[in-house]
């Protein structure tokens, strides 16, 4: 059964990014995003309540996860320049197989980020 999940690790502090806000959007054929869900990551840097999309809600298409990086680090007491180098980090990706497991992890600091298709 297909599903979409995410996990965020704070590389500056060496811990999960508990409290980071994440928005999941579906990208329309016209390129306009439609917000599906906004959530706050739990103590493990993951979404509470299971996957972001599950077998019933997965659909072939283009999606975007938007991670509120500057707000997260600012709330952790990190002194950031204004404007912050990284504010919101959008990751655009496609779902081609609704039976597949799509995991989109984010490794992030105030100055850099990395992602990949996880397992």
N, C-alpha and C. Protein backbone atom coordinates (compact mmCIF):
# COMPACT_ATOMS: atom_id res chain seq x y z
N UNK A 1 0.83 -1.18 0.00
CA UNK A 1 0.00 0.00 0.00
C UNK A 1 0.88 1.24 0.00
N UNK A 2 0.55 2.19 -0.84
CA UNK A 2 1.35 3.39 -0.97
C UNK A 2 1.14 4.38 0.15
N UNK A 3 2.17 5.16 0.40
CA UNK A 3 2.05 6.26 1.34
C UNK A 3 3.22 7.23 1.18
N UNK A 4 3.03 8.43 1.72
CA UNK A 4 4.03 9.48 1.71
C UNK A 4 4.36 9.85 3.15
N UNK A 5 5.66 9.94 3.44
CA UNK A 5 6.10 10.34 4.78
C UNK A 5 7.29 11.29 4.66
N UNK A 6 7.61 11.95 5.77
CA UNK A 6 8.78 12.82 5.83
C UNK A 6 9.41 12.70 7.21
N UNK A 7 10.64 13.14 7.30
CA UNK A 7 11.40 13.13 8.56
C UNK A 7 12.43 14.24 8.43
N UNK A 8 12.53 15.11 9.45
CA UNK A 8 13.47 16.22 9.37
C UNK A 8 14.47 16.13 10.52
N UNK A 9 15.74 16.23 10.16
CA UNK A 9 16.82 16.24 11.15
C UNK A 9 17.50 17.60 11.14
N UNK A 10 17.66 18.17 12.32
CA UNK A 10 18.33 19.45 12.55
C UNK A 10 19.82 19.14 12.70
N UNK A 11 20.61 19.46 11.67
CA UNK A 11 22.04 19.15 11.70
C UNK A 11 22.83 20.11 12.58
N UNK A 12 22.31 21.30 12.83
CA UNK A 12 23.01 22.25 13.69
C UNK A 12 23.04 21.76 15.14
N UNK A 13 21.91 21.23 15.59
CA UNK A 13 21.79 20.79 16.97
C UNK A 13 21.94 19.27 17.13
N UNK A 14 21.99 18.55 16.03
CA UNK A 14 22.15 17.10 16.08
C UNK A 14 20.94 16.38 16.66
N UNK A 15 19.74 16.79 16.21
CA UNK A 15 18.52 16.18 16.75
C UNK A 15 17.39 16.28 15.74
N UNK A 16 16.28 15.58 15.98
CA UNK A 16 15.11 15.76 15.12
C UNK A 16 14.60 17.20 15.21
N UNK A 17 13.98 17.67 14.15
CA UNK A 17 13.49 19.05 14.09
C UNK A 17 12.07 19.14 14.68
N UNK A 18 11.96 18.83 15.96
CA UNK A 18 10.67 18.88 16.65
C UNK A 18 10.12 20.30 16.60
N UNK A 19 8.86 20.43 16.23
CA UNK A 19 8.21 21.74 16.19
C UNK A 19 8.27 22.45 14.86
N UNK A 20 9.00 21.89 13.87
CA UNK A 20 9.05 22.55 12.56
C UNK A 20 7.70 22.41 11.86
N UNK A 21 7.27 23.50 11.24
CA UNK A 21 6.02 23.49 10.47
C UNK A 21 6.32 23.02 9.05
N UNK A 22 5.44 22.15 8.54
CA UNK A 22 5.57 21.60 7.19
C UNK A 22 4.20 21.70 6.51
N UNK A 23 4.22 22.11 5.25
CA UNK A 23 3.00 22.19 4.46
C UNK A 23 3.13 21.26 3.26
N UNK A 24 2.12 20.43 3.05
CA UNK A 24 2.06 19.55 1.87
C UNK A 24 1.10 20.18 0.88
N UNK A 25 1.57 20.32 -0.37
CA UNK A 25 0.75 20.90 -1.42
C UNK A 25 0.71 19.98 -2.63
N UNK A 26 -0.42 19.97 -3.32
CA UNK A 26 -0.53 19.31 -4.63
C UNK A 26 -0.37 20.41 -5.67
N UNK A 27 0.40 20.11 -6.70
CA UNK A 27 0.63 21.11 -7.75
C UNK A 27 -0.36 20.86 -8.88
N UNK A 28 -1.17 21.87 -9.18
CA UNK A 28 -2.16 21.74 -10.24
C UNK A 28 -1.51 21.71 -11.61
N UNK A 29 -2.29 21.35 -12.60
CA UNK A 29 -1.77 21.31 -13.97
C UNK A 29 -1.30 22.68 -14.42
N UNK A 30 -1.86 23.73 -13.83
CA UNK A 30 -1.44 25.10 -14.16
C UNK A 30 -0.24 25.54 -13.34
N UNK A 31 0.27 24.65 -12.48
CA UNK A 31 1.43 24.95 -11.65
C UNK A 31 1.09 25.61 -10.33
N UNK A 32 -0.19 25.87 -10.10
CA UNK A 32 -0.60 26.52 -8.85
C UNK A 32 -0.69 25.48 -7.73
N UNK A 33 -0.08 25.78 -6.57
CA UNK A 33 -0.15 24.84 -5.45
C UNK A 33 -1.49 24.91 -4.73
N UNK A 34 -1.95 23.74 -4.26
CA UNK A 34 -3.16 23.64 -3.44
C UNK A 34 -2.76 22.95 -2.14
N UNK A 35 -2.93 23.63 -1.03
CA UNK A 35 -2.52 23.07 0.25
C UNK A 35 -3.44 21.91 0.63
N UNK A 36 -2.81 20.79 0.93
CA UNK A 36 -3.51 19.59 1.38
C UNK A 36 -3.53 19.52 2.89
N UNK A 37 -2.40 19.88 3.48
CA UNK A 37 -2.25 19.71 4.93
C UNK A 37 -1.09 20.56 5.43
N UNK A 38 -1.24 21.13 6.61
CA UNK A 38 -0.15 21.80 7.31
C UNK A 38 -0.04 21.14 8.68
N UNK A 39 1.18 20.86 9.10
CA UNK A 39 1.38 20.14 10.34
C UNK A 39 2.64 20.62 11.04
N UNK A 40 2.76 20.26 12.30
CA UNK A 40 3.95 20.53 13.10
C UNK A 40 4.58 19.19 13.45
N UNK A 41 5.88 19.07 13.21
CA UNK A 41 6.57 17.80 13.45
C UNK A 41 6.67 17.48 14.93
N UNK A 42 6.58 16.20 15.25
CA UNK A 42 6.63 15.75 16.64
C UNK A 42 8.08 15.67 17.15
N UNK A 43 8.26 15.14 18.34
CA UNK A 43 9.58 15.09 18.99
C UNK A 43 10.59 14.28 18.19
N UNK A 44 10.11 13.39 17.32
CA UNK A 44 11.00 12.58 16.49
C UNK A 44 11.23 13.22 15.12
N UNK A 45 10.70 14.42 14.89
CA UNK A 45 10.85 15.09 13.61
C UNK A 45 9.98 14.49 12.52
N UNK A 46 8.90 13.84 12.92
CA UNK A 46 7.97 13.19 11.99
C UNK A 46 6.55 13.70 12.22
N UNK A 47 5.66 13.35 11.29
CA UNK A 47 4.25 13.72 11.42
C UNK A 47 3.55 12.77 12.36
N UNK A 48 2.75 13.33 13.26
CA UNK A 48 1.89 12.51 14.10
C UNK A 48 0.74 11.96 13.25
N UNK A 49 0.21 10.84 13.65
CA UNK A 49 -0.99 10.32 13.01
C UNK A 49 -0.76 9.56 11.72
N UNK A 50 0.45 9.11 11.47
CA UNK A 50 0.70 8.30 10.28
C UNK A 50 1.18 9.11 9.09
N UNK A 51 1.07 8.51 7.92
CA UNK A 51 1.63 9.14 6.71
C UNK A 51 0.90 10.42 6.31
N UNK A 52 1.60 11.25 5.54
CA UNK A 52 1.02 12.48 5.02
C UNK A 52 -0.06 12.17 3.99
N UNK A 53 0.20 11.16 3.18
CA UNK A 53 -0.79 10.61 2.25
C UNK A 53 -0.80 9.10 2.46
N UNK A 54 -1.97 8.49 2.37
CA UNK A 54 -2.05 7.04 2.52
C UNK A 54 -2.66 6.42 1.26
N UNK A 55 -2.93 5.14 1.30
CA UNK A 55 -3.44 4.43 0.13
C UNK A 55 -4.72 5.07 -0.42
N UNK A 56 -5.55 5.62 0.45
CA UNK A 56 -6.80 6.23 0.01
C UNK A 56 -6.60 7.62 -0.59
N UNK A 57 -5.57 8.33 -0.16
CA UNK A 57 -5.40 9.72 -0.59
C UNK A 57 -4.28 9.93 -1.59
N UNK A 58 -3.46 8.89 -1.84
CA UNK A 58 -2.37 9.02 -2.82
C UNK A 58 -2.95 9.12 -4.23
N UNK A 59 -2.36 9.99 -5.03
CA UNK A 59 -2.73 10.13 -6.43
C UNK A 59 -1.48 10.45 -7.24
N UNK A 60 -1.43 9.97 -8.46
CA UNK A 60 -0.32 10.30 -9.35
C UNK A 60 -0.33 11.81 -9.55
N UNK A 61 0.84 12.43 -9.48
CA UNK A 61 0.91 13.86 -9.69
C UNK A 61 2.15 14.49 -9.10
N UNK A 62 2.21 15.79 -9.18
CA UNK A 62 3.33 16.57 -8.66
C UNK A 62 2.92 17.20 -7.33
N UNK A 63 3.85 17.17 -6.38
CA UNK A 63 3.60 17.64 -5.03
C UNK A 63 4.75 18.53 -4.57
N UNK A 64 4.50 19.25 -3.47
CA UNK A 64 5.53 20.10 -2.87
C UNK A 64 5.39 19.99 -1.35
N UNK A 65 6.52 19.78 -0.69
CA UNK A 65 6.61 19.91 0.76
C UNK A 65 7.34 21.21 1.04
N UNK A 66 6.78 22.06 1.90
CA UNK A 66 7.39 23.33 2.25
C UNK A 66 7.75 23.27 3.74
N UNK A 67 9.04 23.39 4.04
CA UNK A 67 9.56 23.31 5.40
C UNK A 67 9.89 24.71 5.89
N UNK A 68 9.34 25.12 7.03
CA UNK A 68 9.55 26.46 7.58
C UNK A 68 10.84 26.48 8.41
N UNK A 69 11.95 26.57 7.70
CA UNK A 69 13.28 26.43 8.30
C UNK A 69 13.65 27.63 9.18
N UNK A 70 13.54 28.85 8.65
CA UNK A 70 13.95 30.03 9.43
C UNK A 70 13.14 30.17 10.71
N UNK A 71 11.84 29.96 10.62
CA UNK A 71 10.99 30.06 11.80
C UNK A 71 11.40 29.03 12.84
N UNK A 72 11.70 27.81 12.40
CA UNK A 72 12.13 26.76 13.32
C UNK A 72 13.42 27.16 14.05
N UNK A 73 14.45 27.57 13.29
CA UNK A 73 15.73 27.91 13.93
C UNK A 73 15.61 29.16 14.80
N UNK A 74 14.82 30.12 14.37
CA UNK A 74 14.60 31.32 15.17
C UNK A 74 13.96 30.95 16.51
N UNK A 75 12.97 30.08 16.46
CA UNK A 75 12.30 29.64 17.70
C UNK A 75 13.23 28.82 18.59
N UNK A 76 14.28 28.24 18.01
CA UNK A 76 15.29 27.53 18.81
C UNK A 76 16.34 28.47 19.38
N UNK A 77 16.22 29.77 19.11
CA UNK A 77 17.14 30.75 19.66
C UNK A 77 18.36 31.04 18.81
N UNK A 78 18.36 30.55 17.57
CA UNK A 78 19.48 30.79 16.67
C UNK A 78 19.37 32.21 16.12
N UNK A 79 20.44 33.00 16.24
CA UNK A 79 20.47 34.35 15.68
C UNK A 79 20.66 34.26 14.17
N UNK A 80 19.65 34.63 13.44
CA UNK A 80 19.69 34.56 11.98
C UNK A 80 19.77 35.96 11.39
N UNK A 81 20.47 36.12 10.27
CA UNK A 81 20.46 37.42 9.60
C UNK A 81 19.06 37.69 9.05
N UNK A 82 18.76 38.95 8.83
CA UNK A 82 17.46 39.30 8.25
C UNK A 82 17.68 39.96 6.91
N UNK A 83 17.23 39.39 5.83
CA UNK A 83 16.47 38.14 5.80
C UNK A 83 17.38 36.93 6.02
N UNK A 84 16.77 35.85 6.48
CA UNK A 84 17.51 34.60 6.71
C UNK A 84 17.99 34.03 5.38
N UNK A 85 19.14 33.36 5.42
CA UNK A 85 19.65 32.72 4.20
C UNK A 85 18.65 31.71 3.66
N UNK A 86 18.16 30.82 4.53
CA UNK A 86 17.09 29.88 4.16
C UNK A 86 15.85 30.27 4.96
N UNK A 87 14.78 30.55 4.27
CA UNK A 87 13.52 30.86 4.95
C UNK A 87 12.65 29.61 4.89
N UNK A 88 11.90 29.46 3.84
CA UNK A 88 11.14 28.24 3.63
C UNK A 88 11.84 27.42 2.55
N UNK A 89 11.94 26.12 2.79
CA UNK A 89 12.58 25.22 1.83
C UNK A 89 11.49 24.39 1.15
N UNK A 90 11.25 24.64 -0.15
CA UNK A 90 10.28 23.84 -0.88
C UNK A 90 10.98 22.66 -1.57
N UNK A 91 10.38 21.50 -1.49
CA UNK A 91 10.89 20.34 -2.21
C UNK A 91 9.78 19.85 -3.11
N UNK A 92 9.99 19.97 -4.42
CA UNK A 92 9.03 19.50 -5.41
C UNK A 92 9.39 18.07 -5.81
N UNK A 93 8.39 17.22 -5.88
CA UNK A 93 8.62 15.82 -6.23
C UNK A 93 7.37 15.27 -6.90
N UNK A 94 7.53 14.15 -7.57
CA UNK A 94 6.41 13.51 -8.25
C UNK A 94 6.11 12.15 -7.67
N UNK A 95 4.84 11.81 -7.69
CA UNK A 95 4.39 10.47 -7.33
C UNK A 95 3.88 9.82 -8.62
N UNK A 96 4.58 8.77 -9.04
CA UNK A 96 4.23 8.07 -10.27
C UNK A 96 3.52 6.74 -10.01
N UNK A 97 3.70 6.20 -8.81
CA UNK A 97 3.15 4.89 -8.46
C UNK A 97 2.41 5.01 -7.13
N UNK A 98 1.09 4.98 -7.17
CA UNK A 98 0.30 5.17 -5.95
C UNK A 98 0.44 3.99 -4.98
N UNK A 99 1.03 2.92 -5.41
CA UNK A 99 1.28 1.78 -4.52
C UNK A 99 2.67 1.87 -3.88
N UNK A 100 3.46 2.87 -4.27
CA UNK A 100 4.83 3.00 -3.77
C UNK A 100 4.90 3.72 -2.44
N UNK A 101 6.05 3.53 -1.79
CA UNK A 101 6.35 4.25 -0.55
C UNK A 101 7.26 5.41 -0.92
N UNK A 102 6.80 6.62 -0.70
CA UNK A 102 7.57 7.82 -0.96
C UNK A 102 7.93 8.46 0.38
N UNK A 103 9.22 8.46 0.68
CA UNK A 103 9.71 9.07 1.92
C UNK A 103 10.62 10.21 1.53
N UNK A 104 10.33 11.42 2.03
CA UNK A 104 11.09 12.62 1.67
C UNK A 104 11.72 13.19 2.94
N UNK A 105 12.94 12.74 3.27
CA UNK A 105 13.62 13.27 4.44
C UNK A 105 14.32 14.60 4.11
N UNK A 106 14.50 15.41 5.14
CA UNK A 106 15.23 16.67 4.99
C UNK A 106 16.27 16.74 6.09
N UNK A 107 17.51 16.98 5.70
CA UNK A 107 18.61 17.23 6.62
C UNK A 107 18.90 18.72 6.48
N UNK A 108 18.84 19.48 7.59
CA UNK A 108 18.86 20.94 7.44
C UNK A 108 19.63 21.64 8.55
N UNK A 109 20.25 22.75 8.17
CA UNK A 109 20.85 23.71 9.09
C UNK A 109 20.38 25.09 8.61
N UNK A 110 20.73 26.17 9.30
CA UNK A 110 20.33 27.49 8.80
C UNK A 110 21.00 27.86 7.47
N UNK A 111 22.03 27.08 7.06
CA UNK A 111 22.84 27.46 5.90
C UNK A 111 22.82 26.45 4.77
N UNK A 112 22.25 25.26 5.00
CA UNK A 112 22.29 24.23 3.96
C UNK A 112 21.21 23.19 4.22
N UNK A 113 20.86 22.47 3.15
CA UNK A 113 19.92 21.35 3.31
C UNK A 113 20.20 20.30 2.25
N UNK A 114 19.73 19.10 2.53
CA UNK A 114 19.87 17.98 1.60
C UNK A 114 18.64 17.11 1.74
N UNK A 115 18.25 16.50 0.63
CA UNK A 115 17.13 15.58 0.64
C UNK A 115 17.41 14.44 -0.33
N UNK A 116 16.60 13.42 -0.27
CA UNK A 116 16.73 12.25 -1.15
C UNK A 116 15.44 11.47 -1.02
N UNK A 117 15.25 10.50 -1.90
CA UNK A 117 14.09 9.61 -1.74
C UNK A 117 14.52 8.51 -0.79
N UNK A 118 13.95 8.52 0.39
CA UNK A 118 14.29 7.54 1.41
C UNK A 118 13.50 6.26 1.26
N UNK A 119 13.72 5.39 2.22
CA UNK A 119 13.03 4.10 2.17
C UNK A 119 12.08 3.97 3.34
